[in-house]
Each structure stands twice: as C-alpha cells, then as structure tokens.
Amino acid sequence: MRVLVLGGDGFLGWPTVLHLAAAGFEVGIFDSLARRDLDRELGTSSLVPIESLMNRIDAWHDAHDEWLHLYRGDTTRAGDLERALVQFGPDAVIHLAEQRSAPYSMLGSRQAAYTQRVNVIGTLNLIHAVHAVNPNIHVIKLGSLGEYGTPNLDIEEGWLDVTHKGRTDRVLYPKRPGSWYHLSKVHDSHNLEFACRAWNLRVTDLNQGVVYGVDTDQTQRHPDLATRFDYDAIFGTALNRFAVQAALGVELSVYGDGSQIRGFINLRDAVRCLELACLNPAEPGEFRVFNQLTQSISILDVAEAVASRVPGATVAHFVSDRVEEMGHHYRVTHTGLEALGLEPHYLTNEVIDGILATARRHLDRVNQAVIYPRLGGWHRD
C-alpha cells in the first residue's frame, strides 16, 4: 500500500511516516516545513533537538531498506498537491498538514486568519486534487475532539440519531468549538462530508485527543530520528509543560481549578490508529468518523500524577483568559478503532517517568519565558 503523509515532518507526522515504513507501507512525505517557520516566528523550539528533514530521511535510509519519497509543497497551492498525487500514486493520503495550535490561533487576527487559510483551504485543495486525480484515494484526515466542545451530552463518534417532532434522522454530531483553530477543523469536517455526498469520495475523519509520549519503536532507533517535544504555552501540551516545570522545580501551572476533562492518547497508539485507518478504508461515499482517544482525564489529575513522581513538586492554580468550562460532563464514545484492533497504552507512572527523564536530559534547552501564556489576564489564583 502506498500512503502519502501530508505534514510528514511534524510531531505526529514524522513518527507516522516511520511507523508505516517499518510496517511495510511505501510512504511519501509532503511538507512545506511551515511548522519550523513558526518556531522562528515565536522564539520557540523543540525541547528534544530535531534534525532537518533531509537529515532525518538520510538517517532512516542509512539503516533501513524502506525508501521514503519526499515532495516539497504547500497544501494552499492546489498544483503542489495534484503533482504529488500524480507522481506518487497513493492508495491513501493522511492529512496532518495543518496549523495545529489553538493558542496560536487566538493570538490575534493575523494568526486566526493564517490558521483558517492553511487549514480550510488546504483541505479543500486536497478534496479537489483527489477528485481530479483519483477519487478512489482514501482520505484520512486528522480532526480534533475539541470540535465537539464540552456538551452536556455523551459525545458519539461523529454522528447522532435525532428524533424531532416524530421524525428521525442521522445528522453530524453538533459542534461547539472553543477556538479559531477548532473552528477550522469543524469546517474541514463539513467540507469532507459534503465531498463524500457530492463526489462519492471515501473519507475517515479522526477526532483526536491530546497526544502524549516521546518515542515510538522507530524514533528510538537513532537520535536523528527523534520527533518534537513541545513544552511552550503555544504548541506544548499540558502534560509536557507539567513535566518540564516539575523537572525545573517550579510550580506546575494549572488553568482554573483543573476540572476540565480532556481525551488523551499515547503517541504509539496515535500512529497505530493511522495505520488501522489505512488498512481498513472507508467505502466510496462514506464519511466515517472515529474518536481517537484511550482515556478521559482531568487536567488537575494529570498535574497531580506528574507531581507525585517528583519529590517536593507542587501544583498551583492560575487564572487565564481562556474560555473553557470547569466541572463539565465529558463522556466520549471511542469504540471504532478498538474494534479494528487498537490495543491501548495508558498513562501510567512508567510513561510519566519516561517523559520526566527526557525533560531532565534536555533542561539546558528550556526557555522558561515561553512556558506561560502570552495572552492577557494571566495571573496566579
């Protein structure tokens, strides 16, 4: 099977490329390197040093027979995508090439517009390129659990059966996103669902939770194969931030009372989910949705779990201007991928210790100025 990974240089994209190559897929990488440009714009960097994309590819080729095909291009240029699809001839396209940070999208009008343009236009260009080149290509699109928001209802896998005034229909689950980034993901989902109805495309939409973890079996094989470790307030996850703060010996910063619940998934499971989606394609005309998580955990519980592994570590509550509910209902259906064969890894003390060990090894690279939010209204409670 030939799989083209859009955004193959990213935090999730690079381990996905290696995982699929090791599993016997023929893999193409399509990337504009825009994520590295954002590091330069924001003054941020990965805690774990990462090589250039060419050095990464060379490191893989030095020790493996599986060849990686590289296509430099930008999803906002339709011609770049069409050329890659024609030249590589994929059976599936995994679309990870989007601006992925909700905090970045909320920094101002320029960042909001950039996020919407890259994400929405990029996905529209992919839809049209697949339709023009080969409508049988299976499109696997990374969405977000944040599309749903935190409704006072159980969250189903993409669809909801509704009875209203005696009539019943199946509709896309209502979305209430909390950022311009998550709104862009909602637009993507609706555009893809329409393409399935209009052009009989086959699409799997993966609404993914927060990804944690540092390594996969492939990234551990050589330092030049490492993926990103973002800990800053723009691109870093709460778990990474807590680990770095604990390693530094400073307070772990929890926004609000910490009762916000989020879906989490291990990096190893995230790449396996993408493999399972490739191996089990949607049918022509099917817009299939999987909720990609293995656990639902409150932010306070995550912070306390990290603090419990470091003697003397303390958790502090901070007030920020994020718009998010506390103490909300959160129950998410996520049976689809497990039915296809996903065997979940969970957030254990061993996993947390591994993340802490990585943070300690690279403490000299920490920039404490980027750990806290850049938006106004941030102060200790």
Foldseek 3Di string as FASTA:
>chain_A
DEEEEEVLQAQLNVVLQQVCLVVPYQYEYEYQCVVVVVCVVVVHFFLQDEDDPVLLQVVCVVPDPRHYHYQYDALLDLVSLLVVCVVRVGLEYEYPNADQWQLQCPPDDVSLVRRLSRLQSSLVSNLVSCLVRPLNREYEYEAAPLQAAFDQDEAEFQWDWDADPRDIDIDGRDGDHQGSNNVSRVSSLVVVLVSLVPRQHWYEYEHEWAEDFWDDPRCVPDSNSGHGAGQFPTPHDLLLVLLLCLLVLHAREAEDPQQDKIFYAYSNLVSVLVVLCVVPTGGGSDYHGAYHGDDIDTRVVSNVLLQVLHPPYHHFYKYDPRDGDGPGDYHYDGCVSVVSPRDGDDDDSVRSVVSSVSSNVSVVSDDVVRNDRPDPPIDTD
